[in-house]
C-alpha atoms as a PDB file:
ATOM      1  CA  UNK A   1       2.444  15.082   6.323  1.00  0.00           C
ATOM      2  CA  UNK A   2       1.223  13.221   9.370  1.00  0.00           C
ATOM      3  CA  UNK A   3       2.391   9.618   9.332  1.00  0.00           C
ATOM      4  CA  UNK A   4      -0.302   7.212  10.426  1.00  0.00           C
ATOM      5  CA  UNK A   5       0.466   3.549  10.989  1.00  0.00           C
ATOM      6  CA  UNK A   6      -2.458   1.658   9.524  1.00  0.00           C
ATOM      7  CA  UNK A   7      -3.108  -1.973  10.522  1.00  0.00           C
ATOM      8  CA  UNK A   8      -3.486  -4.508   7.705  1.00  0.00           C
ATOM      9  CA  UNK A   9      -7.113  -5.217   8.630  1.00  0.00           C
ATOM     10  CA  UNK A  10      -8.001  -1.535   8.169  1.00  0.00           C
ATOM     11  CA  UNK A  11      -6.359  -1.423   4.733  1.00  0.00           C
ATOM     12  CA  UNK A  12      -8.113  -4.659   3.739  1.00  0.00           C
ATOM     13  CA  UNK A  13     -11.485  -3.213   4.817  1.00  0.00           C
ATOM     14  CA  UNK A  14     -10.745   0.046   3.018  1.00  0.00           C
ATOM     15  CA  UNK A  15     -10.383  -1.641  -0.364  1.00  0.00           C
ATOM     16  CA  UNK A  16     -13.921  -2.974   0.031  1.00  0.00           C
ATOM     17  CA  UNK A  17     -15.202   0.571  -0.459  1.00  0.00           C
ATOM     18  CA  UNK A  18     -12.647   2.337  -2.668  1.00  0.00           C
ATOM     19  CA  UNK A  19     -10.716   1.552  -5.836  1.00  0.00           C
ATOM     20  CA  UNK A  20      -7.462   3.163  -4.648  1.00  0.00           C
ATOM     21  CA  UNK A  21      -6.139   2.952  -1.092  1.00  0.00           C
ATOM     22  CA  UNK A  22      -3.078   5.090  -0.284  1.00  0.00           C
ATOM     23  CA  UNK A  23      -1.573   4.662   3.166  1.00  0.00           C
ATOM     24  CA  UNK A  24       1.633   4.978   5.183  1.00  0.00           C
ATOM     25  CA  UNK A  25       3.284   2.652   7.616  1.00  0.00           C
ATOM     26  CA  UNK A  26       3.761  -0.582   5.646  1.00  0.00           C
ATOM     27  CA  UNK A  27       7.180  -1.026   7.265  1.00  0.00           C
ATOM     28  CA  UNK A  28       5.396  -2.108  10.422  1.00  0.00           C
ATOM     29  CA  UNK A  29       3.561  -4.937   8.649  1.00  0.00           C
ATOM     30  CA  UNK A  30       5.015  -8.410   8.381  1.00  0.00           C
ATOM     31  CA  UNK A  31       4.907 -10.405   5.143  1.00  0.00           C
ATOM     32  CA  UNK A  32       1.887 -12.403   6.330  1.00  0.00           C
ATOM     33  CA  UNK A  33       0.063  -9.187   7.299  1.00  0.00           C
ATOM     34  CA  UNK A  34       0.760  -7.698   3.858  1.00  0.00           C
ATOM     35  CA  UNK A  35      -0.947 -10.620   2.140  1.00  0.00           C
ATOM     36  CA  UNK A  36      -4.389  -9.839   3.591  1.00  0.00           C
ATOM     37  CA  UNK A  37      -4.850  -6.397   2.002  1.00  0.00           C
ATOM     38  CA  UNK A  38      -3.037  -7.472  -1.185  1.00  0.00           C
ATOM     39  CA  UNK A  39      -5.350 -10.446  -1.730  1.00  0.00           C
ATOM     40  CA  UNK A  40      -8.431  -8.367  -0.932  1.00  0.00           C
ATOM     41  CA  UNK A  41      -7.324  -5.646  -3.369  1.00  0.00           C
ATOM     42  CA  UNK A  42      -6.804  -8.206  -6.143  1.00  0.00           C
ATOM     43  CA  UNK A  43     -10.218  -9.747  -5.500  1.00  0.00           C
ATOM     44  CA  UNK A  44     -11.922  -6.348  -5.655  1.00  0.00           C
ATOM     45  CA  UNK A  45      -9.896  -4.955  -8.565  1.00  0.00           C
ATOM     46  CA  UNK A  46      -8.555  -2.204  -6.279  1.00  0.00           C
ATOM     47  CA  UNK A  47      -5.088  -0.662  -6.146  1.00  0.00           C
ATOM     48  CA  UNK A  48      -2.929  -0.410  -3.023  1.00  0.00           C
ATOM     49  CA  UNK A  49      -0.581   2.564  -2.908  1.00  0.00           C
ATOM     50  CA  UNK A  50       1.669   2.114   0.136  1.00  0.00           C
ATOM     51  CA  UNK A  51       3.899   5.115   0.757  1.00  0.00           C
ATOM     52  CA  UNK A  52       6.989   3.067   1.516  1.00  0.00           C
ATOM     53  CA  UNK A  53       8.473  -0.324   0.699  1.00  0.00           C
ATOM     54  CA  UNK A  54       6.117  -3.207  -0.028  1.00  0.00           C
ATOM     55  CA  UNK A  55       8.153  -6.357  -0.820  1.00  0.00           C
ATOM     56  CA  UNK A  56       5.352  -8.274  -2.550  1.00  0.00           C
ATOM     57  CA  UNK A  57       4.331  -5.413  -4.863  1.00  0.00           C
ATOM     58  CA  UNK A  58       3.658  -6.132  -8.536  1.00  0.00           C
ATOM     59  CA  UNK A  59       4.993  -2.672  -9.484  1.00  0.00           C
ATOM     60  CA  UNK A  60       7.107  -0.199  -7.512  1.00  0.00           C
ATOM     61  CA  UNK A  61       7.299   3.551  -8.129  1.00  0.00           C
ATOM     62  CA  UNK A  62      10.289   5.547  -6.993  1.00  0.00           C
ATOM     63  CA  UNK A  63      10.655   9.311  -7.149  1.00  0.00           C
ATOM     64  CA  UNK A  64      14.070  10.872  -7.432  1.00  0.00           C
ATOM     65  CA  UNK A  65      15.215  14.408  -7.946  1.00  0.00           C
ATOM     66  CA  UNK A  66      16.746  14.960 -11.337  1.00  0.00           C
ATOM     67  CA  UNK A  67      18.739  17.654 -12.997  1.00  0.00           C
ATOM     68  CA  UNK A  68      17.049  20.014 -15.423  1.00  0.00           C
ATOM     69  CA  UNK A  69      17.838  20.275 -19.145  1.00  0.00           C
END
């Protein structure tokens, strides 16, 4: 998978046109920069799916490998 660092303004604009925005690179965004796309997503009823940590997230998903039965 190619990792693309997406600026907050691009993510915020993306949620204007789609209901689900998945992106990488949130580690490079500061807390203030994270607010812009988060607020825009809430206003539009969209979902942000950052592939990495997002400190202000309402819900966090984590995948782990497990042992079989």
